[in-house]
N, C-alpha and C. Protein backbone atom coordinates (compact mmCIF):
# COMPACT_ATOMS: atom_id res chain seq x y z
N MET A 1 -35.86 -33.76 68.57
CA MET A 1 -34.62 -34.00 67.88
C MET A 1 -33.26 -34.55 69.16
N LYS A 2 -32.82 -35.26 68.81
CA LYS A 2 -31.54 -36.31 69.40
C LYS A 2 -30.78 -35.81 69.17
N ASN A 3 -29.87 -35.24 70.39
CA ASN A 3 -28.70 -34.84 70.27
C ASN A 3 -27.60 -36.01 70.65
N ILE A 4 -26.35 -35.58 69.95
CA ILE A 4 -25.29 -37.05 70.37
C ILE A 4 -25.05 -36.29 72.27
N PRO A 5 -25.02 -37.40 73.13
CA PRO A 5 -24.65 -37.10 74.31
C PRO A 5 -23.55 -35.78 74.77
N GLY A 6 -23.79 -34.85 75.68
CA GLY A 6 -22.44 -34.53 75.59
C GLY A 6 -22.24 -33.20 75.21
N GLN A 7 -22.77 -33.14 74.10
CA GLN A 7 -22.48 -31.96 72.88
C GLN A 7 -23.40 -30.94 73.25
N VAL A 8 -23.22 -29.74 71.93
CA VAL A 8 -23.78 -28.60 72.51
C VAL A 8 -25.27 -28.72 71.50
N ASN A 9 -26.06 -27.77 71.30
CA ASN A 9 -27.54 -27.87 70.60
C ASN A 9 -26.76 -27.35 69.04
N PRO A 10 -27.13 -28.41 68.40
CA PRO A 10 -26.26 -27.72 66.63
C PRO A 10 -26.87 -26.47 66.16
N ALA A 11 -27.88 -26.18 66.68
CA ALA A 11 -28.56 -24.74 66.36
C ALA A 11 -27.76 -23.86 66.33
N GLY A 12 -26.64 -23.74 67.68
CA GLY A 12 -25.68 -22.73 68.11
C GLY A 12 -24.34 -23.26 67.45
N ILE A 13 -24.27 -24.07 66.81
CA ILE A 13 -22.84 -24.35 65.82
C ILE A 13 -22.99 -23.54 64.86
N PRO A 14 -21.82 -22.68 64.25
CA PRO A 14 -21.74 -21.86 62.87
C PRO A 14 -22.11 -22.83 62.14
N ALA A 15 -22.94 -22.39 60.88
CA ALA A 15 -22.99 -22.61 59.43
C ALA A 15 -21.71 -23.53 58.69
N LEU A 16 -20.52 -22.96 58.79
CA LEU A 16 -19.24 -23.52 58.31
C LEU A 16 -18.64 -24.66 58.99
N VAL A 17 -19.23 -24.60 60.39
CA VAL A 17 -18.64 -25.78 60.87
C VAL A 17 -19.40 -26.74 60.97
N LEU A 18 -20.77 -26.79 60.64
CA LEU A 18 -21.36 -28.14 60.52
C LEU A 18 -21.23 -28.01 58.70
N ALA A 19 -21.11 -27.34 57.88
CA ALA A 19 -20.84 -27.71 56.37
C ALA A 19 -19.18 -28.36 56.57
N TYR A 20 -18.25 -28.29 57.69
CA TYR A 20 -17.16 -29.02 57.42
C TYR A 20 -17.06 -30.16 58.01
N LEU A 21 -18.36 -30.54 59.10
CA LEU A 21 -18.66 -31.96 59.51
C LEU A 21 -19.47 -32.87 58.25
N GLY A 22 -20.43 -31.89 57.83
CA GLY A 22 -21.15 -32.40 56.99
C GLY A 22 -20.15 -33.01 55.45
N ASP A 23 -19.34 -32.14 55.23
CA ASP A 23 -18.71 -32.64 54.07
C ASP A 23 -17.95 -34.09 53.99
N ALA A 24 -17.23 -34.17 55.65
CA ALA A 24 -16.58 -35.09 55.98
C ALA A 24 -17.49 -36.54 56.17
N VAL A 25 -18.95 -36.33 56.51
CA VAL A 25 -19.91 -37.08 56.74
C VAL A 25 -20.57 -37.55 55.17
N TYR A 26 -20.29 -36.48 54.59
CA TYR A 26 -21.57 -36.94 53.10
C TYR A 26 -19.91 -37.72 52.67
N GLU A 27 -18.96 -37.49 52.46
CA GLU A 27 -17.39 -38.24 51.54
C GLU A 27 -17.42 -39.49 52.41
N LEU A 28 -17.84 -40.13 53.62
CA LEU A 28 -17.96 -41.23 53.98
C LEU A 28 -19.05 -41.80 53.56
N TYR A 29 -20.02 -41.53 53.52
CA TYR A 29 -21.30 -42.14 52.93
C TYR A 29 -20.98 -42.24 51.45
N VAL A 30 -20.72 -41.91 50.58
CA VAL A 30 -20.20 -41.70 49.45
C VAL A 30 -19.00 -43.17 49.02
N ARG A 31 -17.82 -42.84 50.15
CA ARG A 31 -16.98 -43.83 50.07
C ARG A 31 -17.48 -45.32 50.66
N ARG A 32 -18.18 -45.09 51.56
CA ARG A 32 -19.08 -46.58 51.88
C ARG A 32 -19.76 -46.81 50.57
N TYR A 33 -20.43 -46.58 50.15
CA TYR A 33 -21.42 -46.69 49.08
C TYR A 33 -20.65 -47.54 48.08
N LEU A 34 -19.92 -46.83 47.69
CA LEU A 34 -18.72 -46.75 46.12
C LEU A 34 -18.11 -48.32 46.86
N VAL A 35 -17.62 -48.51 48.03
CA VAL A 35 -16.93 -49.93 47.96
C VAL A 35 -17.95 -51.03 48.40
N SER A 36 -19.63 -50.90 48.78
CA SER A 36 -19.94 -51.76 48.62
C SER A 36 -20.84 -52.08 47.42
N CYS A 37 -20.27 -51.45 46.38
CA CYS A 37 -20.95 -51.38 44.94
C CYS A 37 -19.64 -52.60 44.63
N GLY A 38 -18.27 -52.47 44.95
CA GLY A 38 -17.44 -53.82 44.50
C GLY A 38 -16.59 -52.92 43.83
N TYR A 39 -16.51 -51.72 43.84
CA TYR A 39 -15.22 -50.90 43.34
C TYR A 39 -14.08 -51.30 44.49
N THR A 40 -13.21 -51.82 43.75
CA THR A 40 -11.58 -52.02 44.41
C THR A 40 -10.41 -51.18 43.81
N LYS A 41 -10.55 -50.29 43.26
CA LYS A 41 -9.25 -49.85 42.85
C LYS A 41 -9.40 -48.26 43.01
N VAL A 42 -8.94 -48.06 43.55
CA VAL A 42 -8.25 -46.49 44.36
C VAL A 42 -9.12 -44.97 43.10
N ASP A 43 -7.97 -45.25 41.89
CA ASP A 43 -8.59 -44.66 40.88
C ASP A 43 -9.80 -44.60 40.41
N SER A 44 -10.45 -45.87 40.40
CA SER A 44 -12.04 -45.80 40.25
C SER A 44 -12.97 -45.48 41.00
N LEU A 45 -12.51 -45.65 42.29
CA LEU A 45 -13.34 -45.10 43.78
C LEU A 45 -12.97 -43.49 43.62
N HIS A 46 -12.04 -43.34 43.14
CA HIS A 46 -12.06 -41.26 43.31
C HIS A 46 -12.68 -41.01 42.30
N LYS A 47 -12.57 -41.32 41.17
CA LYS A 47 -13.01 -40.75 39.96
C LYS A 47 -14.95 -40.66 40.50
N LYS A 48 -15.69 -41.83 40.42
CA LYS A 48 -16.62 -42.34 40.98
C LYS A 48 -17.32 -40.96 42.24
N ALA A 49 -16.08 -41.04 43.04
CA ALA A 49 -16.82 -40.14 44.22
C ALA A 49 -16.92 -38.83 43.85
N VAL A 50 -15.87 -38.41 42.79
CA VAL A 50 -16.00 -36.87 42.72
C VAL A 50 -17.52 -36.62 42.33
N ALA A 51 -18.34 -37.40 41.28
CA ALA A 51 -19.50 -37.60 40.78
C ALA A 51 -20.27 -36.87 41.52
N PHE A 52 -20.14 -37.42 43.10
CA PHE A 52 -20.79 -37.12 44.05
C PHE A 52 -20.69 -36.17 45.25
N VAL A 53 -19.30 -35.54 45.14
CA VAL A 53 -18.82 -34.91 46.04
C VAL A 53 -18.74 -33.24 45.37
N ASN A 54 -18.85 -33.03 44.05
CA ASN A 54 -18.66 -31.88 43.65
C ASN A 54 -19.88 -30.77 43.86
N ALA A 55 -19.62 -29.57 44.13
CA ALA A 55 -20.52 -28.64 44.55
C ALA A 55 -21.67 -28.65 43.59
N ALA A 56 -21.95 -28.76 42.08
CA ALA A 56 -22.55 -28.74 41.11
C ALA A 56 -23.48 -29.97 41.63
N THR A 57 -23.10 -30.91 41.94
CA THR A 57 -24.06 -32.05 41.71
C THR A 57 -24.51 -32.00 43.40
N GLN A 58 -23.90 -31.53 44.42
CA GLN A 58 -24.39 -31.22 45.87
C GLN A 58 -25.62 -30.44 45.62
N ALA A 59 -25.66 -29.17 44.23
CA ALA A 59 -26.76 -28.16 44.84
C ALA A 59 -27.95 -28.76 43.70
N ARG A 60 -27.32 -29.58 42.98
CA ARG A 60 -28.56 -30.36 42.29
C ARG A 60 -29.72 -31.25 43.38
N VAL A 61 -28.70 -31.82 43.73
CA VAL A 61 -29.62 -32.42 44.97
C VAL A 61 -30.34 -31.74 46.32
N LEU A 62 -29.73 -30.78 46.46
CA LEU A 62 -30.54 -29.86 47.21
C LEU A 62 -31.44 -29.32 46.75
N HIS A 63 -31.70 -28.85 45.24
CA HIS A 63 -32.92 -28.45 44.65
C HIS A 63 -33.66 -29.58 44.57
N ALA A 64 -33.44 -30.83 44.38
CA ALA A 64 -34.41 -31.97 44.14
C ALA A 64 -35.19 -32.11 45.78
N ILE A 65 -34.35 -31.71 46.35
CA ILE A 65 -35.34 -32.11 48.09
C ILE A 65 -35.82 -31.08 48.76
N SER A 66 -35.80 -29.59 48.05
CA SER A 66 -35.86 -28.62 48.48
C SER A 66 -37.32 -28.51 48.94
N ASP A 67 -38.54 -29.09 48.26
CA ASP A 67 -39.34 -28.96 48.33
C ASP A 67 -39.98 -29.97 49.65
N ASP A 68 -38.90 -30.81 50.10
CA ASP A 68 -39.38 -31.94 50.89
C ASP A 68 -38.69 -31.62 52.46
N LEU A 69 -38.18 -30.21 52.49
CA LEU A 69 -37.25 -29.63 53.84
C LEU A 69 -38.33 -29.24 54.85
N SER A 70 -38.15 -30.12 56.23
CA SER A 70 -39.18 -29.46 57.31
C SER A 70 -38.37 -27.95 57.26
N GLU A 71 -39.29 -27.11 57.97
CA GLU A 71 -38.68 -25.72 58.17
C GLU A 71 -37.73 -25.70 58.87
N GLU A 72 -37.49 -27.07 59.91
CA GLU A 72 -36.01 -26.48 60.72
C GLU A 72 -34.75 -26.74 59.64
N GLU A 73 -34.92 -28.00 58.34
CA GLU A 73 -33.97 -28.40 57.71
C GLU A 73 -33.77 -27.12 56.55
N ALA A 74 -34.86 -26.55 56.54
CA ALA A 74 -34.99 -25.14 55.07
C ALA A 74 -33.93 -23.78 56.01
N ALA A 75 -34.61 -23.79 57.16
CA ALA A 75 -33.37 -22.56 57.94
C ALA A 75 -32.38 -23.22 57.98
N VAL A 76 -31.33 -24.41 58.29
CA VAL A 76 -30.31 -24.78 58.17
C VAL A 76 -29.67 -24.37 56.74
N VAL A 77 -30.55 -24.78 55.86
CA VAL A 77 -30.02 -24.88 54.98
C VAL A 77 -29.89 -23.38 53.97
N ARG A 78 -30.49 -22.46 54.55
CA ARG A 78 -30.65 -20.75 54.57
C ARG A 78 -29.39 -20.26 55.19
N ARG A 79 -29.21 -21.05 56.70
CA ARG A 79 -27.76 -20.36 57.24
C ARG A 79 -26.74 -21.10 56.36
N GLY A 80 -26.78 -21.81 55.55
CA GLY A 80 -25.38 -22.56 55.07
C GLY A 80 -25.13 -21.71 53.86
N ARG A 81 -26.19 -21.79 53.23
CA ARG A 81 -26.50 -21.06 51.72
C ARG A 81 -25.90 -19.61 52.13
N ASN A 82 -26.03 -18.72 53.05
CA ASN A 82 -25.66 -17.19 53.46
C ASN A 82 -24.53 -17.36 53.91
N ALA A 83 -23.87 -18.38 54.64
CA ALA A 83 -22.34 -18.21 55.37
C ALA A 83 -21.77 -17.69 54.52
N LYS A 84 -20.81 -16.48 55.21
CA LYS A 84 -19.47 -16.28 54.27
C LYS A 84 -18.33 -17.16 54.31
N SER A 85 -18.02 -17.57 53.44
CA SER A 85 -16.61 -18.65 53.77
C SER A 85 -15.36 -17.88 53.02
N GLY A 86 -15.59 -16.60 52.41
CA GLY A 86 -14.25 -16.12 51.70
C GLY A 86 -14.48 -16.45 50.26
N SER A 87 -13.19 -16.62 49.58
CA SER A 87 -13.19 -16.97 47.69
C SER A 87 -13.90 -18.02 47.36
N VAL A 88 -14.37 -18.36 46.30
CA VAL A 88 -14.94 -19.35 45.55
C VAL A 88 -14.00 -19.75 44.90
N PRO A 89 -13.79 -21.49 44.70
CA PRO A 89 -12.88 -21.79 43.86
C PRO A 89 -13.17 -21.48 42.53
N LYS A 90 -12.18 -21.24 42.00
CA LYS A 90 -12.30 -20.71 40.12
C LYS A 90 -13.31 -21.62 39.63
N ASN A 91 -13.11 -22.88 39.73
CA ASN A 91 -13.52 -24.16 38.87
C ASN A 91 -15.34 -24.09 38.96
N MET A 92 -16.05 -22.96 40.19
CA MET A 92 -17.23 -23.33 40.21
C MET A 92 -17.66 -21.80 40.01
N SER A 93 -19.17 -21.90 40.04
CA SER A 93 -20.19 -20.83 39.96
C SER A 93 -20.20 -20.54 41.71
N VAL A 94 -20.15 -19.07 41.72
CA VAL A 94 -21.04 -18.93 43.25
C VAL A 94 -22.27 -19.56 43.40
N SER A 95 -23.35 -19.45 42.88
CA SER A 95 -24.43 -20.02 43.41
C SER A 95 -24.07 -21.80 43.38
N ASP A 96 -23.34 -22.40 42.67
CA ASP A 96 -22.90 -24.13 43.21
C ASP A 96 -22.13 -23.96 44.42
N TYR A 97 -21.26 -22.90 44.64
CA TYR A 97 -20.70 -23.33 46.05
C TYR A 97 -21.58 -22.64 46.91
N ARG A 98 -22.60 -22.04 46.77
CA ARG A 98 -23.15 -21.37 48.10
C ARG A 98 -24.03 -22.90 48.48
N HIS A 99 -24.62 -22.80 47.18
CA HIS A 99 -25.78 -24.29 47.51
C HIS A 99 -24.97 -25.46 47.71
N GLY A 100 -23.61 -26.20 47.21
CA GLY A 100 -23.04 -26.77 47.98
C GLY A 100 -22.68 -26.75 49.42
N THR A 101 -22.53 -25.75 49.74
CA THR A 101 -22.05 -25.28 51.34
C THR A 101 -23.21 -25.81 52.28
N ALA A 102 -24.68 -25.34 51.55
CA ALA A 102 -25.54 -25.24 52.01
C ALA A 102 -25.90 -27.00 52.47
N PHE A 103 -25.84 -27.55 51.03
CA PHE A 103 -26.12 -28.87 51.42
C PHE A 103 -25.50 -29.69 52.46
N GLU A 104 -24.02 -29.11 52.34
CA GLU A 104 -23.01 -29.99 53.44
C GLU A 104 -23.25 -29.68 54.77
N THR A 105 -23.95 -28.16 55.32
CA THR A 105 -24.50 -27.69 56.45
C THR A 105 -25.83 -28.48 56.62
N LEU A 106 -26.56 -28.70 56.01
CA LEU A 106 -27.28 -29.40 56.21
C LEU A 106 -27.05 -31.16 56.31
N ILE A 107 -26.32 -31.72 55.91
CA ILE A 107 -25.38 -33.02 56.35
C ILE A 107 -25.09 -33.12 57.86
N GLY A 108 -24.32 -31.99 57.79
CA GLY A 108 -23.61 -31.99 59.10
C GLY A 108 -24.73 -31.69 60.11
N TYR A 109 -25.53 -30.90 59.99
CA TYR A 109 -26.52 -30.62 61.23
C TYR A 109 -27.31 -32.11 61.48
N LEU A 110 -27.50 -32.98 60.30
CA LEU A 110 -28.38 -34.13 60.23
C LEU A 110 -27.66 -34.85 61.03
N PHE A 111 -26.39 -34.87 60.96
CA PHE A 111 -25.61 -35.99 61.62
C PHE A 111 -25.57 -35.56 62.95
N PHE A 112 -25.04 -34.33 63.07
CA PHE A 112 -25.45 -33.88 64.55
C PHE A 112 -26.15 -34.32 65.55
N CYS A 113 -27.59 -34.00 64.88
CA CYS A 113 -28.95 -34.72 65.57
C CYS A 113 -28.96 -35.86 65.41
N GLY A 114 -28.16 -36.63 64.82
CA GLY A 114 -28.78 -38.10 64.63
C GLY A 114 -29.37 -38.68 64.06
N ARG A 115 -29.96 -38.01 62.67
CA ARG A 115 -30.36 -38.42 62.14
C ARG A 115 -29.96 -38.74 60.65
N GLU A 116 -29.58 -40.12 61.29
CA GLU A 116 -29.08 -40.74 60.05
C GLU A 116 -29.68 -41.35 58.78
N ASP A 117 -31.26 -41.32 59.49
CA ASP A 117 -32.26 -41.90 58.44
C ASP A 117 -32.39 -40.60 57.43
N ARG A 118 -32.45 -39.42 58.20
CA ARG A 118 -32.52 -38.60 56.81
C ARG A 118 -31.51 -38.24 55.75
N ILE A 119 -30.43 -38.75 56.45
CA ILE A 119 -29.10 -38.36 55.36
C ILE A 119 -29.45 -39.58 54.14
N ASN A 120 -29.42 -40.70 54.98
CA ASN A 120 -29.88 -41.79 54.23
C ASN A 120 -30.88 -41.62 52.60
N GLU A 121 -32.01 -41.12 52.95
CA GLU A 121 -33.13 -40.20 51.95
C GLU A 121 -32.45 -39.69 51.24
N ILE A 122 -31.78 -38.31 51.25
CA ILE A 122 -30.74 -37.46 50.99
C ILE A 122 -29.69 -38.35 49.72
N PHE A 123 -29.40 -38.99 50.74
CA PHE A 123 -28.12 -39.84 49.64
C PHE A 123 -28.99 -40.81 49.02
N GLY A 124 -29.88 -40.85 48.75
CA GLY A 124 -30.80 -41.96 47.94
C GLY A 124 -31.04 -40.91 46.78
N THR A 125 -31.54 -39.72 47.19
CA THR A 125 -31.44 -38.95 45.88
C THR A 125 -30.34 -38.45 45.41
N ALA A 126 -29.17 -38.44 45.96
CA ALA A 126 -27.95 -38.25 45.47
C ALA A 126 -27.54 -39.41 44.29
N CYS A 127 -28.32 -40.45 44.88
CA CYS A 127 -27.37 -41.14 43.67
C CYS A 127 -28.41 -41.25 42.51
N GLU A 128 -29.56 -41.33 42.84
CA GLU A 128 -30.72 -41.38 41.66
C GLU A 128 -30.05 -40.13 40.44
N ILE A 129 -29.46 -38.63 40.96
CA ILE A 129 -29.26 -37.67 40.33
C ILE A 129 -28.01 -38.22 39.73
N VAL A 130 -26.82 -38.62 40.46
CA VAL A 130 -25.78 -39.02 39.72
C VAL A 130 -25.72 -40.05 38.93
N PHE A 131 -26.36 -41.11 39.03
CA PHE A 131 -26.61 -41.88 38.06
C PHE A 131 -27.48 -41.90 37.21
N SER A 132 -28.68 -40.69 36.88
CA SER A 132 -29.11 -40.54 35.66
C SER A 132 -28.26 -39.34 35.28
N SER A 133 -27.46 -38.66 35.64
CA SER A 133 -26.50 -37.78 35.14
C SER A 133 -25.39 -38.69 34.01
N ALA A 134 -25.18 -39.86 34.48
CA ALA A 134 -24.58 -41.18 34.37
C ALA A 134 -24.88 -41.62 33.17
N GLU A 135 -26.09 -41.82 33.42
CA GLU A 135 -26.61 -42.56 31.84
C GLU A 135 -26.64 -41.60 30.96
N GLY A 136 -26.57 -40.57 30.90
CA GLY A 136 -26.60 -39.28 29.98
C GLY A 136 -25.76 -39.23 29.18
N ASP A 137 -24.46 -39.22 30.14
CA ASP A 137 -23.09 -39.24 29.57
C ASP A 137 -22.86 -39.79 28.75
N ASN A 138 -23.37 -41.26 29.36
CA ASN A 138 -23.02 -42.65 28.34
C ASN A 138 -23.94 -42.97 27.38
N ASN A 139 -24.94 -42.01 26.89
CA ASN A 139 -26.11 -42.26 26.16
C ASN A 139 -26.68 -44.01 26.22
N HIS A 140 -27.06 -44.24 27.23
CA HIS A 140 -27.48 -45.20 28.09
C HIS A 140 -29.57 -45.27 27.55
C-alpha cells in the first residue's frame, strides 16, 4: 500500500472521515469526466453530475463491484457501511444511504492510498451504470 508522504495509515482514519474525503474525490472525478465530454453549461453539468453522485447510484455501483473487491477493500466497505453518521436524509432509503457512505469510504481510502488506478476502474463501472440507466429512461 502506497501512503501519501507524511500521512498516517489510512486504516486508522475513521470511516466517516474517509467518506468525507471520498465524496470530494468522487465529485471531482465526475466533474472532470463531464467537462471532458464537452458539457459547458453549468446547469447541465449539475444535472448530469447528480446522476453519478446520488446515494442510490453509488449503492448500485458498490453492488456491481462487490464480487471484485479485495479483502482489504471489502473491510473498508464494511467499516463505511456500519459507520454511524446520525440521521438519514428524507429523500433516500437507509440502505442506499449506508451503501453510498460505504462507497465514498472506499473511494476516500483508495485515494488516500494513492490507488487512483483502482478509482478509475470503479469510475468506469459507475459510468456504465449511469449510462445504462439513462438509456432506459430515454427508451433508447
